[in-house]
């Protein structure tokens, strides 16, 4: 995924979509206020630390931009992205790391 593709992390209910807010602002329309959002959402990318063939597997929940089974990912290539939500940044980031660790195990990249 392109880094800009990770902007979906900013589109979280009850907030309006970021692109819609941007387009409205370009038209001179700004909201009076935005609803509060109590949770934090984090996203992360898993890079291959060596060449890896994606096996047929059940991908963990919260993992996106998944490659098809049989795809060869070269060292340094992106295997997938992951997203998680929590009450704090630390909790959300831990959720992302858990998802990425599961993919490392499933693909044989875990040490």
PDB file of N, CA and C in Angstrom:
ATOM      1  N   UNK A   1       0.832  -1.201   0.000  1.00  0.00           N
ATOM      2  CA  UNK A   1       0.000   0.000   0.000  1.00  0.00           C
ATOM      3  C   UNK A   1       0.865   1.248   0.000  1.00  0.00           C
ATOM      4  N   UNK A   2       0.370   2.270  -0.631  1.00  0.00           N
ATOM      5  CA  UNK A   2       1.042   3.569  -0.589  1.00  0.00           C
ATOM      6  C   UNK A   2       0.783   4.186   0.776  1.00  0.00           C
ATOM      7  N   UNK A   3       1.722   4.993   1.294  1.00  0.00           N
ATOM      8  CA  UNK A   3       1.465   5.651   2.587  1.00  0.00           C
ATOM      9  C   UNK A   3       0.140   6.408   2.607  1.00  0.00           C
ATOM     10  N   UNK A   4      -0.220   7.027   1.494  1.00  0.00           N
ATOM     11  CA  UNK A   4      -1.490   7.757   1.476  1.00  0.00           C
ATOM     12  C   UNK A   4      -2.680   6.819   1.614  1.00  0.00           C
ATOM     13  N   UNK A   5      -2.495   5.552   1.283  1.00  0.00           N
ATOM     14  CA  UNK A   5      -3.581   4.585   1.436  1.00  0.00           C
ATOM     15  C   UNK A   5      -3.872   4.315   2.904  1.00  0.00           C
ATOM     16  N   UNK A   6      -2.927   4.652   3.777  1.00  0.00           N
ATOM     17  CA  UNK A   6      -3.118   4.441   5.213  1.00  0.00           C
ATOM     18  C   UNK A   6      -3.950   5.550   5.846  1.00  0.00           C
ATOM     19  N   UNK A   7      -4.378   6.527   5.070  1.00  0.00           N
ATOM     20  CA  UNK A   7      -5.187   7.610   5.629  1.00  0.00           C
ATOM     21  C   UNK A   7      -6.547   7.131   6.098  1.00  0.00           C
ATOM     22  N   UNK A   8      -6.932   5.904   5.733  1.00  0.00           N
ATOM     23  CA  UNK A   8      -8.208   5.380   6.223  1.00  0.00           C
ATOM     24  C   UNK A   8      -8.223   5.292   7.739  1.00  0.00           C
ATOM     25  N   UNK A   9      -7.054   5.297   8.363  1.00  0.00           N
ATOM     26  CA  UNK A   9      -6.986   5.262   9.824  1.00  0.00           C
ATOM     27  C   UNK A   9      -7.633   6.509  10.425  1.00  0.00           C
ATOM     28  N   UNK A  10      -7.730   7.571   9.642  1.00  0.00           N
ATOM     29  CA  UNK A  10      -8.338   8.809  10.128  1.00  0.00           C
ATOM     30  C   UNK A  10      -9.851   8.824   9.952  1.00  0.00           C
ATOM     31  N   UNK A  11     -10.381   7.896   9.178  1.00  0.00           N
ATOM     32  CA  UNK A  11     -11.826   7.824   8.954  1.00  0.00           C
ATOM     33  C   UNK A  11     -12.446   6.861   9.955  1.00  0.00           C
ATOM     34  N   UNK A  12     -12.775   7.380  11.130  1.00  0.00           N
ATOM     35  CA  UNK A  12     -13.305   6.573  12.221  1.00  0.00           C
ATOM     36  C   UNK A  12     -14.568   7.234  12.755  1.00  0.00           C
ATOM     37  N   UNK A  13     -15.660   6.468  12.811  1.00  0.00           N
ATOM     38  CA  UNK A  13     -16.910   6.997  13.369  1.00  0.00           C
ATOM     39  C   UNK A  13     -16.670   7.419  14.817  1.00  0.00           C
ATOM     40  N   UNK A  14     -17.278   8.466  15.279  1.00  0.00           N
ATOM     41  CA  UNK A  14     -18.343   9.263  14.683  1.00  0.00           C
ATOM     42  C   UNK A  14     -17.848  10.437  13.842  1.00  0.00           C
ATOM     43  N   UNK A  15     -16.550  10.498  13.556  1.00  0.00           N
ATOM     44  CA  UNK A  15     -16.019  11.604  12.767  1.00  0.00           C
ATOM     45  C   UNK A  15     -16.427  11.464  11.308  1.00  0.00           C
ATOM     46  N   UNK A  16     -16.668  12.583  10.628  1.00  0.00           N
ATOM     47  CA  UNK A  16     -16.957  12.508   9.198  1.00  0.00           C
ATOM     48  C   UNK A  16     -15.686  12.118   8.438  1.00  0.00           C
ATOM     49  N   UNK A  17     -15.820  11.562   7.238  1.00  0.00           N
ATOM     50  CA  UNK A  17     -14.644  11.179   6.457  1.00  0.00           C
ATOM     51  C   UNK A  17     -13.725  12.380   6.206  1.00  0.00           C
ATOM     52  N   UNK A  18     -12.418  12.147   6.332  1.00  0.00           N
ATOM     53  CA  UNK A  18     -11.431  13.213   6.184  1.00  0.00           C
ATOM     54  C   UNK A  18     -11.505  13.869   4.809  1.00  0.00           C
ATOM     55  N   UNK A  19     -11.654  13.075   3.759  1.00  0.00           N
ATOM     56  CA  UNK A  19     -11.713  13.647   2.418  1.00  0.00           C
ATOM     57  C   UNK A  19     -12.934  14.545   2.261  1.00  0.00           C
ATOM     58  N   UNK A  20     -14.066  14.149   2.835  1.00  0.00           N
ATOM     59  CA  UNK A  20     -15.272  14.986   2.765  1.00  0.00           C
ATOM     60  C   UNK A  20     -15.041  16.313   3.482  1.00  0.00           C
ATOM     61  N   UNK A  21     -14.377  16.277   4.633  1.00  0.00           N
ATOM     62  CA  UNK A  21     -14.057  17.519   5.348  1.00  0.00           C
ATOM     63  C   UNK A  21     -13.127  18.396   4.520  1.00  0.00           C
ATOM     64  N   UNK A  22     -12.145  17.785   3.881  1.00  0.00           N
ATOM     65  CA  UNK A  22     -11.194  18.532   3.057  1.00  0.00           C
ATOM     66  C   UNK A  22     -11.904  19.211   1.888  1.00  0.00           C
ATOM     67  N   UNK A  23     -12.751  18.446   1.196  1.00  0.00           N
ATOM     68  CA  UNK A  23     -13.468  19.015   0.054  1.00  0.00           C
ATOM     69  C   UNK A  23     -14.397  20.140   0.489  1.00  0.00           C
ATOM     70  N   UNK A  24     -15.070  19.965   1.619  1.00  0.00           N
ATOM     71  CA  UNK A  24     -15.942  21.026   2.133  1.00  0.00           C
ATOM     72  C   UNK A  24     -15.118  22.262   2.472  1.00  0.00           C
ATOM     73  N   UNK A  25     -13.955  22.069   3.088  1.00  0.00           N
ATOM     74  CA  UNK A  25     -13.096  23.203   3.439  1.00  0.00           C
ATOM     75  C   UNK A  25     -12.604  23.921   2.189  1.00  0.00           C
ATOM     76  N   UNK A  26     -12.303  23.169   1.136  1.00  0.00           N
ATOM     77  CA  UNK A  26     -11.890  23.798  -0.124  1.00  0.00           C
ATOM     78  C   UNK A  26     -13.012  24.652  -0.697  1.00  0.00           C
ATOM     79  N   UNK A  27     -14.243  24.297  -0.386  1.00  0.00           N
ATOM     80  CA  UNK A  27     -15.398  25.071  -0.825  1.00  0.00           C
ATOM     81  C   UNK A  27     -15.792  26.155   0.164  1.00  0.00           C
ATOM     82  N   UNK A  28     -14.970  26.357   1.194  1.00  0.00           N
ATOM     83  CA  UNK A  28     -15.228  27.418   2.164  1.00  0.00           C
ATOM     84  C   UNK A  28     -16.176  27.031   3.277  1.00  0.00           C
ATOM     85  N   UNK A  29     -16.476  25.756   3.423  1.00  0.00           N
ATOM     86  CA  UNK A  29     -17.401  25.312   4.466  1.00  0.00           C
ATOM     87  C   UNK A  29     -16.642  24.526   5.527  1.00  0.00           C
ATOM     88  N   UNK A  30     -16.566  25.070   6.722  1.00  0.00           N
ATOM     89  CA  UNK A  30     -15.922  24.396   7.839  1.00  0.00           C
ATOM     90  C   UNK A  30     -16.969  24.027   8.879  1.00  0.00           C
ATOM     91  N   UNK A  31     -16.843  22.866   9.503  1.00  0.00           N
ATOM     92  CA  UNK A  31     -17.816  22.493  10.538  1.00  0.00           C
ATOM     93  C   UNK A  31     -17.635  23.373  11.769  1.00  0.00           C
ATOM     94  N   UNK A  32     -18.729  23.606  12.476  1.00  0.00           N
ATOM     95  CA  UNK A  32     -18.655  24.374  13.720  1.00  0.00           C
ATOM     96  C   UNK A  32     -17.845  23.609  14.756  1.00  0.00           C
ATOM     97  N   UNK A  33     -18.074  22.319  14.834  1.00  0.00           N
ATOM     98  CA  UNK A  33     -17.354  21.463  15.778  1.00  0.00           C
ATOM     99  C   UNK A  33     -17.415  20.031  15.261  1.00  0.00           C
ATOM    100  N   UNK A  34     -16.493  19.219  15.713  1.00  0.00           N
ATOM    101  CA  UNK A  34     -16.486  17.808  15.352  1.00  0.00           C
ATOM    102  C   UNK A  34     -16.819  16.975  16.580  1.00  0.00           C
ATOM    103  N   UNK A  35     -17.500  15.853  16.393  1.00  0.00           N
ATOM    104  CA  UNK A  35     -17.809  14.996  17.544  1.00  0.00           C
ATOM    105  C   UNK A  35     -16.527  14.431  18.147  1.00  0.00           C
ATOM    106  N   UNK A  36     -16.561  14.188  19.426  1.00  0.00           N
ATOM    107  CA  UNK A  36     -15.407  13.617  20.118  1.00  0.00           C
ATOM    108  C   UNK A  36     -15.276  12.139  19.781  1.00  0.00           C
ATOM    109  N   UNK A  37     -14.062  11.690  19.715  1.00  0.00           N
ATOM    110  CA  UNK A  37     -13.786  10.279  19.454  1.00  0.00           C
ATOM    111  C   UNK A  37     -12.948   9.767  20.613  1.00  0.00           C
ATOM    112  N   UNK A  38     -13.455   8.792  21.346  1.00  0.00           N
ATOM    113  CA  UNK A  38     -12.801   8.335  22.573  1.00  0.00           C
ATOM    114  C   UNK A  38     -11.673   7.343  22.322  1.00  0.00           C
ATOM    115  N   UNK A  39     -11.628   6.733  21.163  1.00  0.00           N
ATOM    116  CA  UNK A  39     -10.628   5.696  20.900  1.00  0.00           C
ATOM    117  C   UNK A  39      -9.503   6.231  20.011  1.00  0.00           C
ATOM    118  N   UNK A  40      -8.419   5.498  19.986  1.00  0.00           N
ATOM    119  CA  UNK A  40      -7.266   5.803  19.144  1.00  0.00           C
ATOM    120  C   UNK A  40      -7.104   4.645  18.166  1.00  0.00           C
ATOM    121  N   UNK A  41      -6.828   4.959  16.910  1.00  0.00           N
ATOM    122  CA  UNK A  41      -6.615   3.931  15.900  1.00  0.00           C
ATOM    123  C   UNK A  41      -5.185   4.034  15.393  1.00  0.00           C
ATOM    124  N   UNK A  42      -4.536   2.892  15.238  1.00  0.00           N
ATOM    125  CA  UNK A  42      -3.163   2.842  14.727  1.00  0.00           C
ATOM    126  C   UNK A  42      -3.110   1.903  13.534  1.00  0.00           C
ATOM    127  N   UNK A  43      -2.152   2.133  12.682  1.00  0.00           N
ATOM    128  CA  UNK A  43      -1.929   1.264  11.532  1.00  0.00           C
ATOM    129  C   UNK A  43      -0.438   1.005  11.398  1.00  0.00           C
ATOM    130  N   UNK A  44      -0.094  -0.111  10.802  1.00  0.00           N
ATOM    131  CA  UNK A  44       1.315  -0.448  10.602  1.00  0.00           C
ATOM    132  C   UNK A  44       1.482  -1.337   9.390  1.00  0.00           C
ATOM    133  N   UNK A  45       2.706  -1.404   8.895  1.00  0.00           N
ATOM    134  CA  UNK A  45       3.035  -2.208   7.726  1.00  0.00           C
ATOM    135  C   UNK A  45       4.019  -3.296   8.111  1.00  0.00           C
ATOM    136  N   UNK A  46       3.884  -4.456   7.481  1.00  0.00           N
ATOM    137  CA  UNK A  46       4.827  -5.549   7.686  1.00  0.00           C
ATOM    138  C   UNK A  46       5.689  -5.672   6.434  1.00  0.00           C
ATOM    139  N   UNK A  47       6.995  -5.473   6.614  1.00  0.00           N
ATOM    140  CA  UNK A  47       7.963  -5.600   5.527  1.00  0.00           C
ATOM    141  C   UNK A  47       8.660  -6.954   5.636  1.00  0.00           C
ATOM    142  N   UNK A  48       8.922  -7.563   4.500  1.00  0.00           N
ATOM    143  CA  UNK A  48       9.631  -8.843   4.481  1.00  0.00           C
ATOM    144  C   UNK A  48      11.103  -8.608   4.803  1.00  0.00           C
ATOM    145  N   UNK A  49      11.631  -9.338   5.785  1.00  0.00           N
ATOM    146  CA  UNK A  49      13.053  -9.204   6.111  1.00  0.00           C
ATOM    147  C   UNK A  49      13.911 -10.154   5.268  1.00  0.00           C
ATOM    148  N   UNK A  50      13.244 -10.928   4.422  1.00  0.00           N
ATOM    149  CA  UNK A  50      13.901 -11.783   3.429  1.00  0.00           C
ATOM    150  C   UNK A  50      12.823 -12.155   2.401  1.00  0.00           C
ATOM    151  N   UNK A  51      13.207 -12.730   1.283  1.00  0.00           N
ATOM    152  CA  UNK A  51      12.221 -13.173   0.298  1.00  0.00           C
ATOM    153  C   UNK A  51      11.283 -14.179   0.960  1.00  0.00           C
ATOM    154  N   UNK A  52       9.998 -14.051   0.676  1.00  0.00           N
ATOM    155  CA  UNK A  52       9.026 -14.960   1.282  1.00  0.00           C
ATOM    156  C   UNK A  52       7.891 -15.227   0.288  1.00  0.00           C
ATOM    157  N   UNK A  53       7.466 -16.491   0.238  1.00  0.00           N
ATOM    158  CA  UNK A  53       6.309 -16.891  -0.566  1.00  0.00           C
ATOM    159  C   UNK A  53       5.105 -16.903   0.371  1.00  0.00           C
ATOM    160  N   UNK A  54       4.048 -16.198  -0.010  1.00  0.00           N
ATOM    161  CA  UNK A  54       2.855 -16.139   0.832  1.00  0.00           C
ATOM    162  C   UNK A  54       2.145 -17.492   0.765  1.00  0.00           C
ATOM    163  N   UNK A  55       1.964 -18.145   1.915  1.00  0.00           N
ATOM    164  CA  UNK A  55       1.281 -19.441   1.921  1.00  0.00           C
ATOM    165  C   UNK A  55      -0.239 -19.259   1.876  1.00  0.00           C
ATOM    166  N   UNK A  56      -0.937 -20.347   1.593  1.00  0.00           N
ATOM    167  CA  UNK A  56      -2.393 -20.343   1.746  1.00  0.00           C
ATOM    168  C   UNK A  56      -2.650 -20.312   3.247  1.00  0.00           C
ATOM    169  N   UNK A  57      -3.356 -19.318   3.711  1.00  0.00           N
ATOM    170  CA  UNK A  57      -3.560 -19.164   5.157  1.00  0.00           C
ATOM    171  C   UNK A  57      -4.804 -18.348   5.432  1.00  0.00           C
ATOM    172  N   UNK A  58      -5.295 -18.457   6.653  1.00  0.00           N
ATOM    173  CA  UNK A  58      -6.375 -17.601   7.130  1.00  0.00           C
ATOM    174  C   UNK A  58      -5.716 -16.377   7.751  1.00  0.00           C
ATOM    175  N   UNK A  59      -5.921 -15.224   7.137  1.00  0.00           N
ATOM    176  CA  UNK A  59      -5.306 -13.989   7.621  1.00  0.00           C
ATOM    177  C   UNK A  59      -5.988 -13.549   8.915  1.00  0.00           C
ATOM    178  N   UNK A  60      -5.230 -13.014   9.855  1.00  0.00           N
ATOM    179  CA  UNK A  60      -5.824 -12.523  11.105  1.00  0.00           C
ATOM    180  C   UNK A  60      -6.782 -11.359  10.849  1.00  0.00           C
ATOM    181  N   UNK A  61      -7.729 -11.202  11.739  1.00  0.00           N
ATOM    182  CA  UNK A  61      -8.650 -10.068  11.684  1.00  0.00           C
ATOM    183  C   UNK A  61      -7.845  -8.774  11.812  1.00  0.00           C
ATOM    184  N   UNK A  62      -8.278  -7.742  11.112  1.00  0.00           N
ATOM    185  CA  UNK A  62      -7.617  -6.447  11.203  1.00  0.00           C
ATOM    186  C   UNK A  62      -6.400  -6.305  10.311  1.00  0.00           C
ATOM    187  N   UNK A  63      -6.147  -7.320   9.459  1.00  0.00           N
ATOM    188  CA  UNK A  63      -5.020  -7.276   8.527  1.00  0.00           C
ATOM    189  C   UNK A  63      -5.575  -6.990   7.136  1.00  0.00           C
ATOM    190  N   UNK A  64      -4.943  -6.046   6.443  1.00  0.00           N
ATOM    191  CA  UNK A  64      -5.443  -5.582   5.143  1.00  0.00           C
ATOM    192  C   UNK A  64      -4.321  -5.613   4.102  1.00  0.00           C
ATOM    193  N   UNK A  65      -4.664  -5.274   2.866  1.00  0.00           N
ATOM    194  CA  UNK A  65      -3.688  -5.216   1.770  1.00  0.00           C
ATOM    195  C   UNK A  65      -2.934  -6.542   1.662  1.00  0.00           C
ATOM    196  N   UNK A  66      -3.695  -7.623   1.767  1.00  0.00           N
ATOM    197  CA  UNK A  66      -3.123  -8.976   1.806  1.00  0.00           C
ATOM    198  C   UNK A  66      -2.764  -9.458   0.403  1.00  0.00           C
ATOM    199  N   UNK A  67      -1.656 -10.141   0.316  1.00  0.00           N
ATOM    200  CA  UNK A  67      -1.225 -10.735  -0.948  1.00  0.00           C
ATOM    201  C   UNK A  67      -1.833 -12.124  -1.100  1.00  0.00           C
ATOM    202  N   UNK A  68      -2.057 -12.514  -2.336  1.00  0.00           N
ATOM    203  CA  UNK A  68      -2.630 -13.832  -2.620  1.00  0.00           C
ATOM    204  C   UNK A  68      -1.617 -14.931  -2.321  1.00  0.00           C
ATOM    205  N   UNK A  69      -2.129 -16.097  -1.955  1.00  0.00           N
ATOM    206  CA  UNK A  69      -1.265 -17.265  -1.746  1.00  0.00           C
ATOM    207  C   UNK A  69      -0.449 -17.508  -3.010  1.00  0.00           C
ATOM    208  N   UNK A  70       0.831 -17.817  -2.818  1.00  0.00           N
ATOM    209  CA  UNK A  70       1.719 -18.062  -3.948  1.00  0.00           C
ATOM    210  C   UNK A  70       2.472 -16.833  -4.421  1.00  0.00           C
ATOM    211  N   UNK A  71       2.135 -15.666  -3.889  1.00  0.00           N
ATOM    212  CA  UNK A  71       2.834 -14.438  -4.267  1.00  0.00           C
ATOM    213  C   UNK A  71       4.212 -14.419  -3.619  1.00  0.00           C
ATOM    214  N   UNK A  72       5.232 -14.117  -4.410  1.00  0.00           N
ATOM    215  CA  UNK A  72       6.587 -13.983  -3.880  1.00  0.00           C
ATOM    216  C   UNK A  72       6.817 -12.518  -3.527  1.00  0.00           C
ATOM    217  N   UNK A  73       7.111 -12.271  -2.264  1.00  0.00           N
ATOM    218  CA  UNK A  73       7.423 -10.923  -1.792  1.00  0.00           C
ATOM    219  C   UNK A  73       8.935 -10.858  -1.604  1.00  0.00           C
ATOM    220  N   UNK A  74       9.580  -9.945  -2.309  1.00  0.00           N
ATOM    221  CA  UNK A  74      11.025  -9.791  -2.191  1.00  0.00           C
ATOM    222  C   UNK A  74      11.381  -9.119  -0.873  1.00  0.00           C
ATOM    223  N   UNK A  75      12.590  -9.367  -0.404  1.00  0.00           N
ATOM    224  CA  UNK A  75      13.084  -8.718   0.812  1.00  0.00           C
ATOM    225  C   UNK A  75      12.846  -7.211   0.708  1.00  0.00           C
ATOM    226  N   UNK A  76      12.266  -6.653   1.753  1.00  0.00           N
ATOM    227  CA  UNK A  76      11.961  -5.226   1.780  1.00  0.00           C
ATOM    228  C   UNK A  76      10.580  -4.883   1.260  1.00  0.00           C
ATOM    229  N   UNK A  77       9.903  -5.853   0.634  1.00  0.00           N
ATOM    230  CA  UNK A  77       8.562  -5.615   0.122  1.00  0.00           C
ATOM    231  C   UNK A  77       7.525  -5.635   1.234  1.00  0.00           C
ATOM    232  N   UNK A  78       6.392  -5.016   0.969  1.00  0.00           N
ATOM    233  CA  UNK A  78       5.314  -4.960   1.960  1.00  0.00           C
ATOM    234  C   UNK A  78       4.451  -6.208   1.829  1.00  0.00           C
ATOM    235  N   UNK A  79       4.276  -6.901   2.952  1.00  0.00           N
ATOM    236  CA  UNK A  79       3.456  -8.109   2.989  1.00  0.00           C
ATOM    237  C   UNK A  79       1.993  -7.749   3.221  1.00  0.00           C
ATOM    238  N   UNK A  80       1.736  -6.834   4.159  1.00  0.00           N
ATOM    239  CA  UNK A  80       0.365  -6.451   4.488  1.00  0.00           C
ATOM    240  C   UNK A  80       0.388  -5.215   5.381  1.00  0.00           C
ATOM    241  N   UNK A  81      -0.788  -4.706   5.664  1.00  0.00           N
ATOM    242  CA  UNK A  81      -0.951  -3.652   6.670  1.00  0.00           C
ATOM    243  C   UNK A  81      -1.865  -4.204   7.758  1.00  0.00           C
ATOM    244  N   UNK A  82      -1.824  -3.566   8.913  1.00  0.00           N
ATOM    245  CA  UNK A  82      -2.698  -3.966  10.018  1.00  0.00           C
ATOM    246  C   UNK A  82      -3.220  -2.711  10.692  1.00  0.00           C
ATOM    247  N   UNK A  83      -4.385  -2.848  11.286  1.00  0.00           N
ATOM    248  CA  UNK A  83      -5.045  -1.722  11.943  1.00  0.00           C
ATOM    249  C   UNK A  83      -5.675  -2.220  13.237  1.00  0.00           C
ATOM    250  N   UNK A  84      -5.606  -1.385  14.275  1.00  0.00           N
ATOM    251  CA  UNK A  84      -6.217  -1.735  15.561  1.00  0.00           C
ATOM    252  C   UNK A  84      -6.641  -0.457  16.273  1.00  0.00           C
ATOM    253  N   UNK A  85      -7.633  -0.594  17.135  1.00  0.00           N
ATOM    254  CA  UNK A  85      -8.167   0.530  17.902  1.00  0.00           C
ATOM    255  C   UNK A  85      -8.076   0.198  19.384  1.00  0.00           C
ATOM    256  N   UNK A  86      -7.813   1.212  20.188  1.00  0.00           N
ATOM    257  CA  UNK A  86      -7.737   1.024  21.631  1.00  0.00           C
ATOM    258  C   UNK A  86      -7.962   2.335  22.357  1.00  0.00           C
ATOM    259  N   UNK A  87      -8.017   2.298  23.682  1.00  0.00           N
ATOM    260  CA  UNK A  87      -8.278   3.512  24.461  1.00  0.00           C
ATOM    261  C   UNK A  87      -7.086   4.470  24.497  1.00  0.00           C
ATOM    262  N   UNK A  88      -5.876   3.954  24.202  1.00  0.00           N
ATOM    263  CA  UNK A  88      -4.670   4.784  24.173  1.00  0.00           C
ATOM    264  C   UNK A  88      -3.852   4.421  22.941  1.00  0.00           C
ATOM    265  N   UNK A  89      -2.892   5.287  22.611  1.00  0.00           N
ATOM    266  CA  UNK A  89      -2.003   4.977  21.492  1.00  0.00           C
ATOM    267  C   UNK A  89      -1.260   3.674  21.755  1.00  0.00           C
ATOM    268  N   UNK A  90      -0.793   3.495  22.977  1.00  0.00           N
ATOM    269  CA  UNK A  90      -0.033   2.299  23.317  1.00  0.00           C
ATOM    270  C   UNK A  90      -0.865   1.035  23.101  1.00  0.00           C
ATOM    271  N   UNK A  91      -2.128   1.078  23.498  1.00  0.00           N
ATOM    272  CA  UNK A  91      -3.010  -0.080  23.323  1.00  0.00           C
ATOM    273  C   UNK A  91      -3.278  -0.346  21.842  1.00  0.00           C
ATOM    274  N   UNK A  92      -3.525   0.707  21.078  1.00  0.00           N
ATOM    275  CA  UNK A  92      -3.775   0.542  19.647  1.00  0.00           C
ATOM    276  C   UNK A  92      -2.530   0.003  18.949  1.00  0.00           C
ATOM    277  N   UNK A  93      -1.375   0.550  19.279  1.00  0.00           N
ATOM    278  CA  UNK A  93      -0.123   0.103  18.673  1.00  0.00           C
ATOM    279  C   UNK A  93       0.165  -1.359  19.036  1.00  0.00           C
ATOM    280  N   UNK A  94      -0.120  -1.745  20.280  1.00  0.00           N
ATOM    281  CA  UNK A  94       0.071  -3.136  20.698  1.00  0.00           C
ATOM    282  C   UNK A  94      -0.827  -4.068  19.884  1.00  0.00           C
ATOM    283  N   UNK A  95      -2.049  -3.635  19.601  1.00  0.00           N
ATOM    284  CA  UNK A  95      -2.950  -4.431  18.771  1.00  0.00           C
ATOM    285  C   UNK A  95      -2.404  -4.623  17.369  1.00  0.00           C
ATOM    286  N   UNK A  96      -1.835  -3.564  16.803  1.00  0.00           N
ATOM    287  CA  UNK A  96      -1.210  -3.666  15.476  1.00  0.00           C
ATOM    288  C   UNK A  96      -0.048  -4.651  15.527  1.00  0.00           C
ATOM    289  N   UNK A  97       0.801  -4.518  16.533  1.00  0.00           N
ATOM    290  CA  UNK A  97       1.968  -5.397  16.650  1.00  0.00           C
ATOM    291  C   UNK A  97       1.552  -6.860  16.815  1.00  0.00           C
ATOM    292  N   UNK A  98       0.465  -7.121  17.557  1.00  0.00           N
ATOM    293  CA  UNK A  98      -0.027  -8.497  17.715  1.00  0.00           C
ATOM    294  C   UNK A  98      -0.468  -9.070  16.376  1.00  0.00           C
ATOM    295  N   UNK A  99      -1.167  -8.267  15.590  1.00  0.00           N
ATOM    296  CA  UNK A  99      -1.626  -8.730  14.278  1.00  0.00           C
ATOM    297  C   UNK A  99      -0.438  -9.007  13.350  1.00  0.00           C
ATOM    298  N   UNK A 100       0.534  -8.092  13.336  1.00  0.00           N
ATOM    299  CA  UNK A 100       1.697  -8.282  12.472  1.00  0.00           C
ATOM    300  C   UNK A 100       2.539  -9.470  12.931  1.00  0.00           C
ATOM    301  N   UNK A 101       2.640  -9.694  14.236  1.00  0.00           N
ATOM    302  CA  UNK A 101       3.373 -10.855  14.757  1.00  0.00           C
ATOM    303  C   UNK A 101       2.698 -12.153  14.317  1.00  0.00           C
ATOM    304  N   UNK A 102       1.370 -12.167  14.293  1.00  0.00           N
ATOM    305  CA  UNK A 102       0.642 -13.357  13.840  1.00  0.00           C
ATOM    306  C   UNK A 102       0.957 -13.641  12.374  1.00  0.00           C
ATOM    307  N   UNK A 103       1.018 -12.601  11.548  1.00  0.00           N
ATOM    308  CA  UNK A 103       1.350 -12.797  10.133  1.00  0.00           C
ATOM    309  C   UNK A 103       2.795 -13.281   9.995  1.00  0.00           C
ATOM    310  N   UNK A 104       3.704 -12.747  10.808  1.00  0.00           N
ATOM    311  CA  UNK A 104       5.093 -13.234  10.776  1.00  0.00           C
ATOM    312  C   UNK A 104       5.136 -14.742  11.044  1.00  0.00           C
ATOM    313  N   UNK A 105       4.373 -15.198  12.047  1.00  0.00           N
ATOM    314  CA  UNK A 105       4.342 -16.632  12.364  1.00  0.00           C
ATOM    315  C   UNK A 105       3.756 -17.433  11.198  1.00  0.00           C
ATOM    316  N   UNK A 106       2.643 -16.959  10.644  1.00  0.00           N
ATOM    317  CA  UNK A 106       1.959 -17.687   9.575  1.00  0.00           C
ATOM    318  C   UNK A 106       2.791 -17.778   8.298  1.00  0.00           C
ATOM    319  N   UNK A 107       3.635 -16.779   8.058  1.00  0.00           N
ATOM    320  CA  UNK A 107       4.453 -16.765   6.841  1.00  0.00           C
ATOM    321  C   UNK A 107       5.842 -17.345   7.058  1.00  0.00           C
ATOM    322  N   UNK A 108       6.147 -17.735   8.294  1.00  0.00           N
ATOM    323  CA  UNK A 108       7.458 -18.288   8.589  1.00  0.00           C
ATOM    324  C   UNK A 108       8.535 -17.242   8.791  1.00  0.00           C
ATOM    325  N   UNK A 109       8.150 -15.979   8.944  1.00  0.00           N
ATOM    326  CA  UNK A 109       9.130 -14.911   9.155  1.00  0.00           C
ATOM    327  C   UNK A 109       9.485 -14.709  10.620  1.00  0.00           C
ATOM    328  N   UNK A 110       8.737 -15.331  11.519  1.00  0.00           N
ATOM    329  CA  UNK A 110       9.029 -15.164  12.949  1.00  0.00           C
ATOM    330  C   UNK A 110      10.363 -15.826  13.263  1.00  0.00           C
ATOM    331  N   UNK A 111      11.127 -15.164  14.103  1.00  0.00           N
ATOM    332  CA  UNK A 111      12.468 -15.686  14.447  1.00  0.00           C
ATOM    333  C   UNK A 111      12.375 -16.952  15.261  1.00  0.00           C
TER     334      UNK A 111
END
